[in-house]
Amino acid sequence: TLAPLRLLREPWNASEGNASNATGGGGSGGCHGPDIPNELFLTLALVSLVENVLVVAAILKNRNLHSPMYYFICCLAISDMLVSVSNLLETLFMLLMEHGVLVISASAVRHVDNVIDMLICSSVVSSLSFLGVIAVDRYITIFYALRYHSIMTLQRAVLTMASVWLASTVSSTVFITYYRSNAILLCLIGFFLFMLVLMLVLYIHMFALARHHLRSISRQQKKPTVYRTSSLKGAVTLTILLGVFFICWGPFFFHLILIVTCPTNPFCTCFFSYFNLFLILIICNSLLDPLIYAFRSRELRRTLREVVLCSW
């Protein structure tokens, strides 16, 4: 049967003898991960899909939101939509096959699984990429405010978006084709670490600048309480931003690291059995991204209300 991201579930040289465990969600050595019902995958994917569709619709509807920053947020929403759609398709296929509604050959199952895996990989890479692009865009907005419109022109924004989509498609195709190479996994791990460090450095630098400005204003107005409150809010926002990213993506990429470093170690093989839980966290990230990056905009929230009320 189909298994979400079958090619990443276990080391390729150890998974061939454990195909039934891999597809059933169990690990090696008698270690079994949590039994996550397909209904949970469907529910989370549907909620994420609705949220991100609303974000895309609101940005397309409101001309005031037609700027590079919101275009990047729109692309992030589309990437998260693809994560949700690919997981929905795979879960639906699994349910139809389990209940005997859909009967297809083993070769057809493999082709369907490869296509869906390619879609998932492409959406994952593009989602991570646009998180990094949004961080860079915000950095330019704060540190080069007067030159922002000359630096981040519409042409450069379109070129950036096209490059991300093209790179995501090519990299997912290469990954599915050469998934047995540890070099591919190392590239994915390196990409995640690069995005983590990039976001960490940029957002901490932005927070430090904002804190410095607040301290200066507080000294001029002699209101240290306001400074401490604003700094606390900024620290909480930064913690949520980076914490959600690390919690949702970290276990998945730690799983990849273990596949490369200790594919036969009992601890590692036990960790592999929790793969479905890591996929749930990735879907949760797609669900949380609109709350973090989109719904905090007052203009976008107003447009969302109009979209929901169908006041086109």
Foldseek 3Di string as FASTA:
>chain_A
DAAQLLLLLAQPVPCVVVVVCSRQLQFPPPFAADDDDLVLLLVLLVLLLVLLVLLLVLCVVDPVNPDLLSVLLNQLSVLLNLLSVLSNVRSVVVVCVVVVVDDDDPVVSVVSNLVSSLSNQLSVQLNLLSVLVNLVLVLCCPPVVVCSCVVDPPVNSVVSNVVSNVVSNVLSVVCSVPVNDLVNLVVVLVSLVVSLVSNVVSLVVVLVVVLVVLVVVCVVVVPVVVSVVVNVVSVVLSCVSSVLSCVLQVLSSVLSVCNNPPSPDPVSRSSSSNNVVSSSSVSVSSSCSCVNRPCVDPSSVVSSVCVVVVVD
